[in-house]
Amino acid sequence: MKGSTAGMRAMRGNPAREPEKVRRSVELRTAVSPKDVKHYTTDRLREEFLIQNLFVPGEIKLVYSHIDRIITGAAVPVEPLTLTAGEELRAEYFCQRRELGVINIGGAGTITVDGRVYKIGFKEAMYIGMGSRDIVFASQDREQPAKFYLNSAPAHRACPTVLIRPEGAPEEGVVIVKEENKVELGCLEDANHRVICKYILPGQVESCQLEMGMTKLEPGSVWNTMPCHTHDRRMEVYLYFEMPEDAFVMHYMGEPQETRHIVMRNEEAVISPSWSIHSGCGSRAYTFIWGMVGENQDFDDMDGVANRDLR
C-alpha cells in the first residue's frame, strides 16, 4: 500500500553554503480497483484518495501515485527549496523524463529554472518542460510565503517552459490565458454558477499530457461538476482552497452507481481514477484547481452521467 520513502529531496538555503537540514517528504500510493473501493470504510477511502497537509512552510511534499504516474505536491519556501529527483524516479534530475505544472496560491514568489528567474504571483502558473535541470522555489517575503501547488506527469518530449498569467500583456516566456479559455458555466438557480480558467491545455500552453486549470464558484453556488462525468482516458486530481476553517466540501467519487463521499477541508487534494466521478458540494463557495493526465488532451472527451442515474 502507500508508504513514505526518502527521495525527491528539497534542500533549504543557498547552495553555495553548507546545506541546511533537508526538508522533503514523498509518499507512494498504488492504483486501486473499483471492485475493492466499494467495500472501503471511511478511513480506508481517505487513506487511498485524500491528500492532506501538503502546504508545510519550509518543505516540499509530494505524493507519487501509480495512477497514470502523476505526482501531486506543494512547495512552501521560507528559504529557497530545490526540487530534485530522489530514489523514486531513478533519474538525474526531476524533469529528466517529466513535465511539471505549478500554480501559486500564496504570497508572491519566484521559480528559477536553469538560471532564469520567473516572478509568479497569486493564481499565476508555470509550465516547466521536460529537460529542465535546476528548479528552485523561493518566496518574496518569508513571512507571507508562496504556496506552489504542483502536478507532474511523465513526458516523452520537451515543450517550452512558460509563465502563465490570467491577465496582462504577453511577452517573451509569458502566456496570457485566452478569453475563450475563461468559461462561465452554470447558474445560481442550480447552485453551480462558476468560472473555469484553463491554464495548461492545447492551443495555449503546449504539453505532453498534463492539463491544469482553476474553477471558482461564485457566491451562493456550492456545486462543482454536476451533472457529473467520468473520462476513461484521463485521471484527475482536485485541490480545494479558499475555504474558511469551518467550511468543507463533500467530494463525491466512485462509479456512478456506487458513489462514495470524502469530507474535505481547505487546501486538501483528492485523487480521482479514470473510472470515478469527481464532483463536490460545499458548505459555501470555494475554488479548486484541477489537473489531468492520461491518454489524450481533449478537454471535452468525457462520459456524462445523468443525475437520475446516480446512486
C-alpha atoms as a PDB file:
ATOM      1  CA  MET A   1       0.000   0.000   0.000  1.00  0.00           C
ATOM      2  CA  LYS A   2       1.160   3.577   0.452  1.00  0.00           C
ATOM      3  CA  GLY A   3       4.286   4.485   2.394  1.00  0.00           C
ATOM      4  CA  SER A   4       6.923   7.134   2.939  1.00  0.00           C
ATOM      5  CA  THR A   5      10.348   6.935   1.313  1.00  0.00           C
ATOM      6  CA  ALA A   6      13.471   9.060   1.259  1.00  0.00           C
ATOM      7  CA  GLY A   7      13.595  10.705  -2.133  1.00  0.00           C
ATOM      8  CA  MET A   8      12.938  13.773  -4.272  1.00  0.00           C
ATOM      9  CA  ARG A   9      14.934  15.905  -1.900  1.00  0.00           C
ATOM     10  CA  ALA A  10      14.043  19.528  -1.168  1.00  0.00           C
ATOM     11  CA  MET A  11      17.117  21.403   0.058  1.00  0.00           C
ATOM     12  CA  ARG A  12      16.971  24.648   2.005  1.00  0.00           C
ATOM     13  CA  GLY A  13      19.354  27.542   1.835  1.00  0.00           C
ATOM     14  CA  ASN A  14      21.927  28.903  -0.586  1.00  0.00           C
ATOM     15  CA  PRO A  15      23.647  26.075  -2.495  1.00  0.00           C
ATOM     16  CA  ALA A  16      26.973  27.882  -2.030  1.00  0.00           C
ATOM     17  CA  ARG A  17      26.714  27.487   1.750  1.00  0.00           C
ATOM     18  CA  GLU A  18      26.819  24.393   3.899  1.00  0.00           C
ATOM     19  CA  PRO A  19      23.446  22.703   3.206  1.00  0.00           C
ATOM     20  CA  GLU A  20      20.901  23.030   5.980  1.00  0.00           C
ATOM     21  CA  LYS A  21      18.664  20.199   7.128  1.00  0.00           C
ATOM     22  CA  VAL A  22      16.969  18.521   4.179  1.00  0.00           C
ATOM     23  CA  ARG A  23      13.200  19.088   4.225  1.00  0.00           C
ATOM     24  CA  ARG A  24      11.378  16.652   1.984  1.00  0.00           C
ATOM     25  CA  SER A  25       8.542  14.179   2.115  1.00  0.00           C
ATOM     26  CA  VAL A  26       7.463  11.659  -0.518  1.00  0.00           C
ATOM     27  CA  GLU A  27       4.512   9.296  -0.227  1.00  0.00           C
ATOM     28  CA  LEU A  28       3.777   6.421  -2.599  1.00  0.00           C
ATOM     29  CA  ARG A  29       0.227   5.316  -3.425  1.00  0.00           C
ATOM     30  CA  THR A  30      -0.775   2.339  -5.514  1.00  0.00           C
ATOM     31  CA  ALA A  31      -3.625   2.041  -8.000  1.00  0.00           C
ATOM     32  CA  VAL A  32      -6.920   0.570  -6.786  1.00  0.00           C
ATOM     33  CA  SER A  33      -9.834  -1.339  -8.312  1.00  0.00           C
ATOM     34  CA  PRO A  34     -13.432  -0.057  -8.227  1.00  0.00           C
ATOM     35  CA  LYS A  35     -14.463  -3.570  -7.176  1.00  0.00           C
ATOM     36  CA  ASP A  36     -12.446  -3.094  -3.992  1.00  0.00           C
ATOM     37  CA  VAL A  37     -13.256   0.569  -3.380  1.00  0.00           C
ATOM     38  CA  LYS A  38     -16.974  -0.072  -2.912  1.00  0.00           C
ATOM     39  CA  HIS A  39     -16.101  -2.085   0.215  1.00  0.00           C
ATOM     40  CA  TYR A  40     -13.828   0.571   1.779  1.00  0.00           C
ATOM     41  CA  THR A  41     -14.513   2.128   5.167  1.00  0.00           C
ATOM     42  CA  THR A  42     -14.380   5.898   5.557  1.00  0.00           C
ATOM     43  CA  ASP A  43     -10.829   5.701   6.909  1.00  0.00           C
ATOM     44  CA  ARG A  44      -9.632   3.470   4.072  1.00  0.00           C
ATOM     45  CA  LEU A  45     -11.237   5.703   1.455  1.00  0.00           C
ATOM     46  CA  ARG A  46      -9.472   8.749   2.896  1.00  0.00           C
ATOM     47  CA  GLU A  47      -6.195   6.863   3.182  1.00  0.00           C
ATOM     48  CA  GLU A  48      -6.173   5.951  -0.501  1.00  0.00           C
ATOM     49  CA  PHE A  49      -7.500   9.116  -2.161  1.00  0.00           C
ATOM     50  CA  LEU A  50      -7.302  12.140   0.166  1.00  0.00           C
ATOM     51  CA  ILE A  51      -4.085  14.197   0.304  1.00  0.00           C
ATOM     52  CA  GLN A  52      -3.721  16.325   3.443  1.00  0.00           C
ATOM     53  CA  ASN A  53      -1.084  18.617   4.978  1.00  0.00           C
ATOM     54  CA  LEU A  54       0.547  19.495   1.663  1.00  0.00           C
ATOM     55  CA  PHE A  55       1.475  23.094   2.416  1.00  0.00           C
ATOM     56  CA  VAL A  56       4.137  22.966   5.131  1.00  0.00           C
ATOM     57  CA  PRO A  57       6.414  26.035   5.487  1.00  0.00           C
ATOM     58  CA  GLY A  58       9.995  25.226   4.561  1.00  0.00           C
ATOM     59  CA  GLU A  59       9.189  21.905   2.871  1.00  0.00           C
ATOM     60  CA  ILE A  60       8.408  20.222  -0.420  1.00  0.00           C
ATOM     61  CA  LYS A  61       5.804  17.470  -0.005  1.00  0.00           C
ATOM     62  CA  LEU A  62       4.984  15.060  -2.821  1.00  0.00           C
ATOM     63  CA  VAL A  63       2.569  12.187  -3.381  1.00  0.00           C
ATOM     64  CA  TYR A  64       3.568   9.762  -6.156  1.00  0.00           C
ATOM     65  CA  SER A  65       0.516   7.876  -7.431  1.00  0.00           C
ATOM     66  CA  HIS A  66       0.754   4.782  -9.612  1.00  0.00           C
ATOM     67  CA  ILE A  67      -2.440   6.016 -11.318  1.00  0.00           C
ATOM     68  CA  ASP A  68      -1.009   7.406 -14.575  1.00  0.00           C
ATOM     69  CA  ARG A  69       2.200   8.119 -12.591  1.00  0.00           C
ATOM     70  CA  ILE A  70       1.011  11.572 -11.531  1.00  0.00           C
ATOM     71  CA  ILE A  71       2.915  13.386  -8.797  1.00  0.00           C
ATOM     72  CA  THR A  72       0.884  15.834  -6.709  1.00  0.00           C
ATOM     73  CA  GLY A  73       2.692  18.117  -4.304  1.00  0.00           C
ATOM     74  CA  ALA A  74       3.454  21.517  -2.856  1.00  0.00           C
ATOM     75  CA  ALA A  75       6.447  23.700  -2.081  1.00  0.00           C
ATOM     76  CA  VAL A  76       6.273  26.434   0.567  1.00  0.00           C
ATOM     77  CA  PRO A  77       9.686  28.138   0.541  1.00  0.00           C
ATOM     78  CA  VAL A  78      10.746  30.064   3.626  1.00  0.00           C
ATOM     79  CA  GLU A  79      14.291  29.726   2.316  1.00  0.00           C
ATOM     80  CA  PRO A  80      14.861  28.601  -1.309  1.00  0.00           C
ATOM     81  CA  LEU A  81      13.817  24.996  -1.970  1.00  0.00           C
ATOM     82  CA  THR A  82      15.387  22.905  -4.733  1.00  0.00           C
ATOM     83  CA  LEU A  83      13.384  20.153  -6.419  1.00  0.00           C
ATOM     84  CA  THR A  84      15.445  17.031  -7.156  1.00  0.00           C
ATOM     85  CA  ALA A  85      14.648  13.540  -8.374  1.00  0.00           C
ATOM     86  CA  GLY A  86      15.446  11.236  -5.474  1.00  0.00           C
ATOM     87  CA  GLU A  87      15.244   7.463  -5.480  1.00  0.00           C
ATOM     88  CA  GLU A  88      11.659   7.151  -6.723  1.00  0.00           C
ATOM     89  CA  LEU A  89      12.310   8.493 -10.220  1.00  0.00           C
ATOM     90  CA  ARG A  90      15.723   6.875 -10.749  1.00  0.00           C
ATOM     91  CA  ALA A  91      16.640   9.974 -12.753  1.00  0.00           C
ATOM     92  CA  GLU A  92      19.459  12.526 -12.702  1.00  0.00           C
ATOM     93  CA  TYR A  93      17.006  15.372 -12.090  1.00  0.00           C
ATOM     94  CA  PHE A  94      13.265  15.738 -11.539  1.00  0.00           C
ATOM     95  CA  CYS A  95      12.263  16.776 -15.066  1.00  0.00           C
ATOM     96  CA  GLN A  96      14.626  14.441 -16.913  1.00  0.00           C
ATOM     97  CA  ARG A  97      11.606  12.408 -18.060  1.00  0.00           C
ATOM     98  CA  ARG A  98       8.796  14.561 -16.657  1.00  0.00           C
ATOM     99  CA  GLU A  99       6.870  17.781 -17.168  1.00  0.00           C
ATOM    100  CA  LEU A 100       5.677  19.979 -14.311  1.00  0.00           C
ATOM    101  CA  GLY A 101       2.760  22.348 -13.790  1.00  0.00           C
ATOM    102  CA  VAL A 102       2.771  24.864 -10.921  1.00  0.00           C
ATOM    103  CA  ILE A 103       0.083  27.250  -9.623  1.00  0.00           C
ATOM    104  CA  ASN A 104       0.805  29.698  -6.786  1.00  0.00           C
ATOM    105  CA  ILE A 105      -1.999  30.054  -4.213  1.00  0.00           C
ATOM    106  CA  GLY A 106       0.069  32.023  -1.676  1.00  0.00           C
ATOM    107  CA  GLY A 107       2.289  35.097  -1.487  1.00  0.00           C
ATOM    108  CA  ALA A 108       4.464  36.374  -4.312  1.00  0.00           C
ATOM    109  CA  GLY A 109       7.428  34.213  -5.186  1.00  0.00           C
ATOM    110  CA  THR A 110       9.892  33.147  -7.829  1.00  0.00           C
ATOM    111  CA  ILE A 111      10.669  29.941  -9.678  1.00  0.00           C
ATOM    112  CA  THR A 112      14.167  29.707 -11.106  1.00  0.00           C
ATOM    113  CA  VAL A 113      14.501  27.253 -13.993  1.00  0.00           C
ATOM    114  CA  ASP A 114      18.041  26.614 -15.238  1.00  0.00           C
ATOM    115  CA  GLY A 115      19.143  30.052 -14.074  1.00  0.00           C
ATOM    116  CA  ARG A 116      16.188  32.051 -15.421  1.00  0.00           C
ATOM    117  CA  VAL A 117      14.078  33.685 -12.718  1.00  0.00           C
ATOM    118  CA  TYR A 118      10.302  33.875 -13.168  1.00  0.00           C
ATOM    119  CA  LYS A 119       8.263  36.094 -10.832  1.00  0.00           C
ATOM    120  CA  ILE A 120       4.990  34.356 -10.036  1.00  0.00           C
ATOM    121  CA  GLY A 121       2.121  35.993  -8.176  1.00  0.00           C
ATOM    122  CA  PHE A 122      -1.127  34.772  -6.639  1.00  0.00           C
ATOM    123  CA  LYS A 123      -3.044  32.467  -9.015  1.00  0.00           C
ATOM    124  CA  GLU A 124      -0.323  32.700 -11.631  1.00  0.00           C
ATOM    125  CA  ALA A 125       1.108  29.483 -13.036  1.00  0.00           C
ATOM    126  CA  MET A 126       4.073  27.895 -14.770  1.00  0.00           C
ATOM    127  CA  TYR A 127       4.605  25.044 -17.158  1.00  0.00           C
ATOM    128  CA  ILE A 128       8.108  23.573 -16.872  1.00  0.00           C
ATOM    129  CA  GLY A 129       9.117  21.321 -19.733  1.00  0.00           C
ATOM    130  CA  MET A 130      10.995  18.039 -19.818  1.00  0.00           C
ATOM    131  CA  GLY A 131      14.766  18.514 -19.710  1.00  0.00           C
ATOM    132  CA  SER A 132      14.700  21.410 -17.226  1.00  0.00           C
ATOM    133  CA  ARG A 133      17.522  20.532 -14.826  1.00  0.00           C
ATOM    134  CA  ASP A 134      17.551  23.034 -11.970  1.00  0.00           C
ATOM    135  CA  ILE A 135      14.242  24.112 -10.389  1.00  0.00           C
ATOM    136  CA  VAL A 136      14.326  26.358  -7.313  1.00  0.00           C
ATOM    137  CA  PHE A 137      11.293  27.758  -5.472  1.00  0.00           C
ATOM    138  CA  ALA A 138      11.575  30.961  -3.408  1.00  0.00           C
ATOM    139  CA  SER A 139       9.288  33.475  -1.679  1.00  0.00           C
ATOM    140  CA  GLN A 140       9.433  37.250  -1.930  1.00  0.00           C
ATOM    141  CA  ASP A 141       8.528  37.543   1.781  1.00  0.00           C
ATOM    142  CA  ARG A 142       9.242  34.630   4.103  1.00  0.00           C
ATOM    143  CA  GLU A 143       6.523  35.899   6.470  1.00  0.00           C
ATOM    144  CA  GLN A 144       3.986  35.525   3.652  1.00  0.00           C
ATOM    145  CA  PRO A 145       5.492  32.662   1.652  1.00  0.00           C
ATOM    146  CA  ALA A 146       4.432  31.489  -1.754  1.00  0.00           C
ATOM    147  CA  LYS A 147       2.390  28.291  -1.844  1.00  0.00           C
ATOM    148  CA  PHE A 148       3.335  26.463  -5.008  1.00  0.00           C
ATOM    149  CA  TYR A 149       0.924  23.649  -5.908  1.00  0.00           C
ATOM    150  CA  LEU A 150       2.499  21.027  -8.181  1.00  0.00           C
ATOM    151  CA  ASN A 151       1.258  18.464 -10.702  1.00  0.00           C
ATOM    152  CA  SER A 152       3.785  16.407 -12.669  1.00  0.00           C
ATOM    153  CA  ALA A 153       3.405  13.719 -15.337  1.00  0.00           C
ATOM    154  CA  PRO A 154       5.762  11.572 -17.410  1.00  0.00           C
ATOM    155  CA  ALA A 155       6.804  13.251 -20.673  1.00  0.00           C
ATOM    156  CA  HIS A 156       8.230  11.998 -23.969  1.00  0.00           C
ATOM    157  CA  ARG A 157       9.350  15.303 -25.497  1.00  0.00           C
ATOM    158  CA  ALA A 158      10.441  18.764 -24.436  1.00  0.00           C
ATOM    159  CA  CYS A 159       7.871  21.582 -24.558  1.00  0.00           C
ATOM    160  CA  PRO A 160       8.702  25.250 -23.857  1.00  0.00           C
ATOM    161  CA  THR A 161       8.837  26.435 -20.255  1.00  0.00           C
ATOM    162  CA  VAL A 162       6.481  29.408 -19.796  1.00  0.00           C
ATOM    163  CA  LEU A 163       4.935  31.625 -17.135  1.00  0.00           C
ATOM    164  CA  ILE A 164       1.122  31.748 -17.332  1.00  0.00           C
ATOM    165  CA  ARG A 165      -0.957  34.737 -16.196  1.00  0.00           C
ATOM    166  CA  PRO A 166      -4.765  35.077 -16.178  1.00  0.00           C
ATOM    167  CA  GLU A 167      -4.491  38.733 -17.212  1.00  0.00           C
ATOM    168  CA  GLY A 168      -1.931  41.086 -18.745  1.00  0.00           C
ATOM    169  CA  ALA A 169       0.083  41.528 -21.905  1.00  0.00           C
ATOM    170  CA  PRO A 170       2.046  38.682 -23.487  1.00  0.00           C
ATOM    171  CA  GLU A 171       5.830  38.909 -23.565  1.00  0.00           C
ATOM    172  CA  GLU A 172       8.732  36.565 -24.155  1.00  0.00           C
ATOM    173  CA  GLY A 173       8.324  33.484 -21.973  1.00  0.00           C
ATOM    174  CA  VAL A 174       4.883  34.636 -20.732  1.00  0.00           C
ATOM    175  CA  VAL A 175       1.494  33.316 -21.881  1.00  0.00           C
ATOM    176  CA  ILE A 176      -1.767  35.137 -21.088  1.00  0.00           C
ATOM    177  CA  VAL A 177      -4.873  32.970 -20.703  1.00  0.00           C
ATOM    178  CA  LYS A 178      -7.054  33.434 -23.779  1.00  0.00           C
ATOM    179  CA  GLU A 179     -10.563  34.796 -23.345  1.00  0.00           C
ATOM    180  CA  GLU A 180     -12.045  31.607 -24.828  1.00  0.00           C
ATOM    181  CA  ASN A 181     -10.320  29.684 -22.030  1.00  0.00           C
ATOM    182  CA  LYS A 182     -12.191  31.642 -19.356  1.00  0.00           C
ATOM    183  CA  VAL A 183     -15.551  29.905 -19.387  1.00  0.00           C
ATOM    184  CA  GLU A 184     -18.608  30.856 -17.325  1.00  0.00           C
ATOM    185  CA  LEU A 185     -20.917  27.931 -16.596  1.00  0.00           C
ATOM    186  CA  GLY A 186     -23.996  27.116 -14.534  1.00  0.00           C
ATOM    187  CA  CYS A 187     -26.418  29.423 -12.775  1.00  0.00           C
ATOM    188  CA  LEU A 188     -27.345  30.479  -9.258  1.00  0.00           C
ATOM    189  CA  GLU A 189     -30.689  28.661  -9.521  1.00  0.00           C
ATOM    190  CA  ASP A 190     -28.785  25.375  -9.836  1.00  0.00           C
ATOM    191  CA  ALA A 191     -26.234  26.454  -7.195  1.00  0.00           C
ATOM    192  CA  ASN A 192     -23.400  25.851  -9.682  1.00  0.00           C
ATOM    193  CA  HIS A 193     -22.516  29.275 -11.126  1.00  0.00           C
ATOM    194  CA  ARG A 194     -18.767  29.085 -11.721  1.00  0.00           C
ATOM    195  CA  VAL A 195     -15.912  30.368 -13.870  1.00  0.00           C
ATOM    196  CA  ILE A 196     -13.329  27.974 -15.307  1.00  0.00           C
ATOM    197  CA  CYS A 197      -9.875  29.345 -16.128  1.00  0.00           C
ATOM    198  CA  LYS A 198      -7.852  26.922 -18.262  1.00  0.00           C
ATOM    199  CA  TYR A 199      -4.094  27.367 -17.840  1.00  0.00           C
ATOM    200  CA  ILE A 200      -2.333  24.398 -19.471  1.00  0.00           C
ATOM    201  CA  LEU A 201      -4.078  22.886 -22.498  1.00  0.00           C
ATOM    202  CA  PRO A 202      -3.524  22.518 -26.265  1.00  0.00           C
ATOM    203  CA  GLY A 203      -3.668  25.740 -28.253  1.00  0.00           C
ATOM    204  CA  GLN A 204      -2.452  27.853 -25.347  1.00  0.00           C
ATOM    205  CA  VAL A 205       0.366  26.097 -23.486  1.00  0.00           C
ATOM    206  CA  GLU A 206       1.940  23.100 -25.173  1.00  0.00           C
ATOM    207  CA  SER A 207       2.499  19.997 -23.027  1.00  0.00           C
ATOM    208  CA  CYS A 208       2.883  16.256 -23.494  1.00  0.00           C
ATOM    209  CA  GLN A 209      -0.148  15.144 -21.481  1.00  0.00           C
ATOM    210  CA  LEU A 210      -0.621  17.450 -18.479  1.00  0.00           C
ATOM    211  CA  GLU A 211      -3.608  19.801 -18.360  1.00  0.00           C
ATOM    212  CA  MET A 212      -4.287  22.202 -15.485  1.00  0.00           C
ATOM    213  CA  GLY A 213      -6.768  24.907 -14.633  1.00  0.00           C
ATOM    214  CA  MET A 214      -8.816  26.523 -11.902  1.00  0.00           C
ATOM    215  CA  THR A 215     -12.549  26.748 -11.195  1.00  0.00           C
ATOM    216  CA  LYS A 216     -14.015  29.422  -8.926  1.00  0.00           C
ATOM    217  CA  LEU A 217     -17.544  29.094  -7.527  1.00  0.00           C
ATOM    218  CA  GLU A 218     -19.497  32.345  -7.389  1.00  0.00           C
ATOM    219  CA  PRO A 219     -21.089  33.446  -4.066  1.00  0.00           C
ATOM    220  CA  GLY A 220     -24.223  31.417  -3.371  1.00  0.00           C
ATOM    221  CA  SER A 221     -23.104  28.495  -5.529  1.00  0.00           C
ATOM    222  CA  VAL A 222     -21.729  25.308  -3.992  1.00  0.00           C
ATOM    223  CA  TRP A 223     -21.839  22.511  -6.604  1.00  0.00           C
ATOM    224  CA  ASN A 224     -18.992  21.692  -8.968  1.00  0.00           C
ATOM    225  CA  THR A 225     -19.128  19.278 -11.918  1.00  0.00           C
ATOM    226  CA  MET A 226     -22.813  18.478 -11.531  1.00  0.00           C
ATOM    227  CA  PRO A 227     -24.193  16.876 -13.658  1.00  0.00           C
ATOM    228  CA  CYS A 228     -21.068  14.798 -13.230  1.00  0.00           C
ATOM    229  CA  HIS A 229     -18.990  12.719 -15.606  1.00  0.00           C
ATOM    230  CA  THR A 230     -16.133  10.271 -15.915  1.00  0.00           C
ATOM    231  CA  HIS A 231     -13.371  10.161 -18.527  1.00  0.00           C
ATOM    232  CA  ASP A 232     -11.865   6.731 -19.068  1.00  0.00           C
ATOM    233  CA  ARG A 233      -8.893   8.157 -20.921  1.00  0.00           C
ATOM    234  CA  ARG A 234      -7.709  10.534 -18.163  1.00  0.00           C
ATOM    235  CA  MET A 235      -7.399  10.628 -14.403  1.00  0.00           C
ATOM    236  CA  GLU A 236      -7.769  13.844 -12.416  1.00  0.00           C
ATOM    237  CA  VAL A 237      -6.673  15.459  -9.168  1.00  0.00           C
ATOM    238  CA  TYR A 238      -8.564  18.278  -7.414  1.00  0.00           C
ATOM    239  CA  LEU A 239      -7.152  20.745  -4.882  1.00  0.00           C
ATOM    240  CA  TYR A 240      -9.805  22.631  -2.907  1.00  0.00           C
ATOM    241  CA  PHE A 241      -8.860  26.028  -1.423  1.00  0.00           C
ATOM    242  CA  GLU A 242     -10.155  29.499  -0.500  1.00  0.00           C
ATOM    243  CA  MET A 243     -12.315  27.906   2.192  1.00  0.00           C
ATOM    244  CA  PRO A 244     -12.742  29.225   5.770  1.00  0.00           C
ATOM    245  CA  GLU A 245     -11.542  26.996   8.584  1.00  0.00           C
ATOM    246  CA  ASP A 246     -15.044  25.789   9.480  1.00  0.00           C
ATOM    247  CA  ALA A 247     -16.102  25.180   5.852  1.00  0.00           C
ATOM    248  CA  PHE A 248     -15.955  21.878   3.991  1.00  0.00           C
ATOM    249  CA  VAL A 249     -16.696  20.204   0.669  1.00  0.00           C
ATOM    250  CA  MET A 250     -18.455  16.868   0.327  1.00  0.00           C
ATOM    251  CA  HIS A 251     -16.412  15.431  -2.543  1.00  0.00           C
ATOM    252  CA  TYR A 252     -18.203  12.645  -4.387  1.00  0.00           C
ATOM    253  CA  MET A 253     -16.311   9.824  -6.066  1.00  0.00           C
ATOM    254  CA  GLY A 254     -16.720   6.216  -7.170  1.00  0.00           C
ATOM    255  CA  GLU A 255     -18.541   4.568 -10.028  1.00  0.00           C
ATOM    256  CA  PRO A 256     -21.819   6.350 -10.875  1.00  0.00           C
ATOM    257  CA  GLN A 257     -23.892   3.536  -9.337  1.00  0.00           C
ATOM    258  CA  GLU A 258     -21.524   3.066  -6.358  1.00  0.00           C
ATOM    259  CA  THR A 259     -20.864   6.618  -5.169  1.00  0.00           C
ATOM    260  CA  ARG A 260     -18.945   7.476  -2.029  1.00  0.00           C
ATOM    261  CA  HIS A 261     -18.010  10.769  -0.384  1.00  0.00           C
ATOM    262  CA  ILE A 262     -14.947  12.294   1.270  1.00  0.00           C
ATOM    263  CA  VAL A 263     -15.241  15.324   3.564  1.00  0.00           C
ATOM    264  CA  MET A 264     -12.552  17.790   2.500  1.00  0.00           C
ATOM    265  CA  ARG A 265     -11.150  20.922   4.119  1.00  0.00           C
ATOM    266  CA  ASN A 266      -9.148  23.905   2.907  1.00  0.00           C
ATOM    267  CA  GLU A 267      -6.025  23.176   0.828  1.00  0.00           C
ATOM    268  CA  GLU A 268      -6.627  19.435   0.604  1.00  0.00           C
ATOM    269  CA  ALA A 269      -6.351  17.414  -2.616  1.00  0.00           C
ATOM    270  CA  VAL A 270      -8.093  14.271  -3.824  1.00  0.00           C
ATOM    271  CA  ILE A 271      -7.122  11.669  -6.430  1.00  0.00           C
ATOM    272  CA  SER A 272      -9.804  10.660  -8.958  1.00  0.00           C
ATOM    273  CA  PRO A 273      -9.140   7.493 -11.007  1.00  0.00           C
ATOM    274  CA  SER A 274     -10.442   7.468 -14.567  1.00  0.00           C
ATOM    275  CA  TRP A 275     -13.390   5.228 -13.633  1.00  0.00           C
ATOM    276  CA  SER A 276     -14.584   7.593 -10.894  1.00  0.00           C
ATOM    277  CA  ILE A 277     -16.907  10.556 -10.928  1.00  0.00           C
ATOM    278  CA  HIS A 278     -15.430  13.706  -9.346  1.00  0.00           C
ATOM    279  CA  SER A 279     -17.886  16.238  -8.055  1.00  0.00           C
ATOM    280  CA  GLY A 280     -18.361  18.276  -4.907  1.00  0.00           C
ATOM    281  CA  CYS A 281     -20.837  20.256  -2.846  1.00  0.00           C
ATOM    282  CA  GLY A 282     -19.550  22.771  -0.311  1.00  0.00           C
ATOM    283  CA  SER A 283     -20.937  24.393   2.790  1.00  0.00           C
ATOM    284  CA  ARG A 284     -20.195  27.655   0.933  1.00  0.00           C
ATOM    285  CA  ALA A 285     -18.447  28.811  -2.256  1.00  0.00           C
ATOM    286  CA  TYR A 286     -14.823  27.774  -2.844  1.00  0.00           C
ATOM    287  CA  THR A 287     -12.155  27.459  -5.530  1.00  0.00           C
ATOM    288  CA  PHE A 288     -10.423  24.345  -6.805  1.00  0.00           C
ATOM    289  CA  ILE A 289      -7.512  23.506  -9.084  1.00  0.00           C
ATOM    290  CA  TRP A 290      -7.864  20.560 -11.442  1.00  0.00           C
ATOM    291  CA  GLY A 291      -5.090  18.633 -13.124  1.00  0.00           C
ATOM    292  CA  MET A 292      -5.488  15.817 -15.654  1.00  0.00           C
ATOM    293  CA  VAL A 293      -3.106  13.319 -17.236  1.00  0.00           C
ATOM    294  CA  GLY A 294      -3.668  10.275 -19.414  1.00  0.00           C
ATOM    295  CA  GLU A 295      -4.413   9.079 -22.923  1.00  0.00           C
ATOM    296  CA  ASN A 296      -5.421  12.354 -24.579  1.00  0.00           C
ATOM    297  CA  GLN A 297      -5.766  16.112 -24.057  1.00  0.00           C
ATOM    298  CA  ASP A 298      -9.293  16.575 -25.387  1.00  0.00           C
ATOM    299  CA  PHE A 299     -10.901  18.614 -22.590  1.00  0.00           C
ATOM    300  CA  ASP A 300     -14.412  17.723 -23.769  1.00  0.00           C
ATOM    301  CA  ASP A 301     -13.728  13.976 -24.008  1.00  0.00           C
ATOM    302  CA  MET A 302     -15.905  12.905 -21.108  1.00  0.00           C
ATOM    303  CA  ASP A 303     -18.730  10.481 -20.454  1.00  0.00           C
ATOM    304  CA  GLY A 304     -21.661  12.338 -18.942  1.00  0.00           C
ATOM    305  CA  VAL A 305     -23.777  10.830 -16.178  1.00  0.00           C
ATOM    306  CA  ALA A 306     -27.432  11.847 -15.870  1.00  0.00           C
ATOM    307  CA  ASN A 307     -28.487  12.909 -12.376  1.00  0.00           C
ATOM    308  CA  ARG A 308     -31.243  10.288 -12.393  1.00  0.00           C
ATOM    309  CA  ASP A 309     -28.655   7.517 -12.902  1.00  0.00           C
ATOM    310  CA  LEU A 310     -26.585   8.314  -9.811  1.00  0.00           C
ATOM    311  CA  ARG A 311     -26.789   6.074  -6.773  1.00  0.00           C
END
